[in-house]
Amino acid sequence: MITLELEREPRIADVILRRDSFAVVLADGRALVVPVTWYPRLMHGTARERKNWRLLGNGYAIEWPELDEHVSVEGLLAGRRSTESSTSIKKWLLARRKAA
């Protein structure tokens, strides 16, 4: 069994938003581009809500507080999409409509 040993833990330095994707710039200079369709809350969020993000814990994750979305650097590097169920997304969308 091969085990990957990292010299440094990857950390997010910046997030660049696009209409259909977002780019995550890591502290070591790498960048990942991720489609917003991987994260339904981001996909359904407004441009203003998507712009309201912050880094958590020295860059281990991104949080979009208005959308209640959290994306970890580990998940991004592993290519993990949101695992939120369609039932949960439907409830969340309904609550958003009622609040609007």
C-alpha atoms as a PDB file:
ATOM      1  CA  MET A   1       0.000   0.000   0.000  1.00  0.00           C
ATOM      2  CA  ILE A   2       1.347   3.410  -1.009  1.00  0.00           C
ATOM      3  CA  THR A   3       0.726   6.333   1.310  1.00  0.00           C
ATOM      4  CA  LEU A   4       1.074   9.895   0.125  1.00  0.00           C
ATOM      5  CA  GLU A   5       2.877  12.069   2.621  1.00  0.00           C
ATOM      6  CA  LEU A   6       2.393  15.790   2.131  1.00  0.00           C
ATOM      7  CA  GLU A   7       5.186  18.228   2.880  1.00  0.00           C
ATOM      8  CA  ARG A   8       2.603  20.871   3.775  1.00  0.00           C
ATOM      9  CA  GLU A   9      -1.126  20.793   4.248  1.00  0.00           C
ATOM     10  CA  PRO A  10      -2.813  22.475   1.264  1.00  0.00           C
ATOM     11  CA  ARG A  11      -4.467  25.785   2.105  1.00  0.00           C
ATOM     12  CA  ILE A  12      -6.762  28.036   0.107  1.00  0.00           C
ATOM     13  CA  ALA A  13      -5.390  31.540  -0.492  1.00  0.00           C
ATOM     14  CA  ASP A  14      -8.115  33.004  -2.726  1.00  0.00           C
ATOM     15  CA  VAL A  15     -11.369  32.257  -4.503  1.00  0.00           C
ATOM     16  CA  ILE A  16     -12.150  33.642  -7.947  1.00  0.00           C
ATOM     17  CA  LEU A  17     -15.798  33.546  -8.922  1.00  0.00           C
ATOM     18  CA  ARG A  18     -17.105  33.023 -12.424  1.00  0.00           C
ATOM     19  CA  ARG A  19     -20.648  32.607 -13.668  1.00  0.00           C
ATOM     20  CA  ASP A  20     -20.557  28.804 -13.977  1.00  0.00           C
ATOM     21  CA  SER A  21     -17.475  27.939 -11.932  1.00  0.00           C
ATOM     22  CA  PHE A  22     -15.118  29.115  -9.259  1.00  0.00           C
ATOM     23  CA  ALA A  23     -11.361  28.904  -9.097  1.00  0.00           C
ATOM     24  CA  VAL A  24      -9.588  28.121  -5.859  1.00  0.00           C
ATOM     25  CA  VAL A  25      -6.030  29.403  -5.639  1.00  0.00           C
ATOM     26  CA  LEU A  26      -3.920  27.448  -3.175  1.00  0.00           C
ATOM     27  CA  ALA A  27      -1.173  28.964  -1.060  1.00  0.00           C
ATOM     28  CA  ASP A  28       1.451  26.976  -3.006  1.00  0.00           C
ATOM     29  CA  GLY A  29       0.369  28.553  -6.318  1.00  0.00           C
ATOM     30  CA  ARG A  30      -1.789  25.768  -7.705  1.00  0.00           C
ATOM     31  CA  ALA A  31      -5.330  26.542  -8.860  1.00  0.00           C
ATOM     32  CA  LEU A  32      -8.394  24.361  -9.257  1.00  0.00           C
ATOM     33  CA  VAL A  33     -11.460  25.258 -11.301  1.00  0.00           C
ATOM     34  CA  VAL A  34     -14.690  23.739 -10.025  1.00  0.00           C
ATOM     35  CA  PRO A  35     -18.132  23.869 -11.686  1.00  0.00           C
ATOM     36  CA  VAL A  36     -20.818  25.395  -9.456  1.00  0.00           C
ATOM     37  CA  THR A  37     -23.112  22.543 -10.511  1.00  0.00           C
ATOM     38  CA  TRP A  38     -21.113  20.374  -8.094  1.00  0.00           C
ATOM     39  CA  TYR A  39     -22.593  22.448  -5.257  1.00  0.00           C
ATOM     40  CA  PRO A  40     -26.356  23.028  -5.725  1.00  0.00           C
ATOM     41  CA  ARG A  41     -26.525  25.781  -3.096  1.00  0.00           C
ATOM     42  CA  LEU A  42     -23.919  27.748  -5.027  1.00  0.00           C
ATOM     43  CA  MET A  43     -25.696  27.004  -8.277  1.00  0.00           C
ATOM     44  CA  HIS A  44     -28.949  28.441  -6.886  1.00  0.00           C
ATOM     45  CA  GLY A  45     -27.271  31.341  -5.085  1.00  0.00           C
ATOM     46  CA  THR A  46     -27.294  34.866  -6.418  1.00  0.00           C
ATOM     47  CA  ALA A  47     -24.127  36.566  -7.618  1.00  0.00           C
ATOM     48  CA  ARG A  48     -24.158  38.659  -4.424  1.00  0.00           C
ATOM     49  CA  GLU A  49     -24.475  35.548  -2.228  1.00  0.00           C
ATOM     50  CA  ARG A  50     -21.641  33.800  -4.082  1.00  0.00           C
ATOM     51  CA  LYS A  51     -19.394  36.845  -3.637  1.00  0.00           C
ATOM     52  CA  ASN A  52     -19.955  36.698   0.123  1.00  0.00           C
ATOM     53  CA  TRP A  53     -17.448  33.986   1.011  1.00  0.00           C
ATOM     54  CA  ARG A  54     -14.760  33.685   3.649  1.00  0.00           C
ATOM     55  CA  LEU A  55     -11.913  31.337   4.425  1.00  0.00           C
ATOM     56  CA  LEU A  56     -12.120  29.180   7.507  1.00  0.00           C
ATOM     57  CA  GLY A  57      -9.230  28.124   9.730  1.00  0.00           C
ATOM     58  CA  ASN A  58      -6.291  29.545   7.816  1.00  0.00           C
ATOM     59  CA  GLY A  59      -7.662  28.326   4.486  1.00  0.00           C
ATOM     60  CA  TYR A  60      -8.745  24.737   5.137  1.00  0.00           C
ATOM     61  CA  ALA A  61     -12.240  25.514   3.777  1.00  0.00           C
ATOM     62  CA  ILE A  62     -14.453  28.130   2.141  1.00  0.00           C
ATOM     63  CA  GLU A  63     -17.743  29.182   3.698  1.00  0.00           C
ATOM     64  CA  TRP A  64     -20.639  30.918   1.998  1.00  0.00           C
ATOM     65  CA  PRO A  65     -22.617  31.969   5.110  1.00  0.00           C
ATOM     66  CA  GLU A  66     -25.765  33.143   3.311  1.00  0.00           C
ATOM     67  CA  LEU A  67     -25.973  29.845   1.431  1.00  0.00           C
ATOM     68  CA  ASP A  68     -24.910  27.654   4.371  1.00  0.00           C
ATOM     69  CA  GLU A  69     -22.299  26.020   2.117  1.00  0.00           C
ATOM     70  CA  HIS A  70     -18.862  24.841   3.240  1.00  0.00           C
ATOM     71  CA  VAL A  71     -16.273  23.395   0.872  1.00  0.00           C
ATOM     72  CA  SER A  72     -13.003  21.952   2.156  1.00  0.00           C
ATOM     73  CA  VAL A  73      -9.679  22.032   0.343  1.00  0.00           C
ATOM     74  CA  GLU A  74      -9.404  18.298   0.979  1.00  0.00           C
ATOM     75  CA  GLY A  75     -12.747  17.686  -0.757  1.00  0.00           C
ATOM     76  CA  LEU A  76     -11.784  19.876  -3.698  1.00  0.00           C
ATOM     77  CA  LEU A  77      -8.478  18.084  -4.194  1.00  0.00           C
ATOM     78  CA  ALA A  78     -10.260  14.721  -3.984  1.00  0.00           C
ATOM     79  CA  GLY A  79     -12.845  15.842  -6.567  1.00  0.00           C
ATOM     80  CA  ARG A  80     -15.765  15.457  -4.164  1.00  0.00           C
ATOM     81  CA  ARG A  81     -19.065  17.028  -5.084  1.00  0.00           C
ATOM     82  CA  SER A  82     -21.754  18.028  -2.627  1.00  0.00           C
ATOM     83  CA  THR A  83     -23.377  15.004  -1.031  1.00  0.00           C
ATOM     84  CA  GLU A  84     -26.500  16.900   0.014  1.00  0.00           C
ATOM     85  CA  SER A  85     -29.625  14.991  -0.947  1.00  0.00           C
ATOM     86  CA  SER A  86     -32.091  16.315  -3.508  1.00  0.00           C
ATOM     87  CA  THR A  87     -34.762  16.273  -0.776  1.00  0.00           C
ATOM     88  CA  SER A  88     -32.636  18.564   1.383  1.00  0.00           C
ATOM     89  CA  ILE A  89     -31.971  20.933  -1.535  1.00  0.00           C
ATOM     90  CA  LYS A  90     -35.695  21.088  -2.335  1.00  0.00           C
ATOM     91  CA  LYS A  91     -36.490  21.991   1.292  1.00  0.00           C
ATOM     92  CA  TRP A  92     -33.775  24.628   1.282  1.00  0.00           C
ATOM     93  CA  LEU A  93     -35.058  26.150  -1.985  1.00  0.00           C
ATOM     94  CA  LEU A  94     -38.618  26.213  -0.618  1.00  0.00           C
ATOM     95  CA  ALA A  95     -37.449  27.978   2.548  1.00  0.00           C
ATOM     96  CA  ARG A  96     -35.581  30.542   0.426  1.00  0.00           C
ATOM     97  CA  ARG A  97     -38.679  31.253  -1.630  1.00  0.00           C
ATOM     98  CA  LYS A  98     -40.794  31.711   1.486  1.00  0.00           C
ATOM     99  CA  ALA A  99     -38.225  34.061   3.018  1.00  0.00           C
ATOM    100  CA  ALA A 100     -38.008  36.204  -0.141  1.00  0.00           C
END
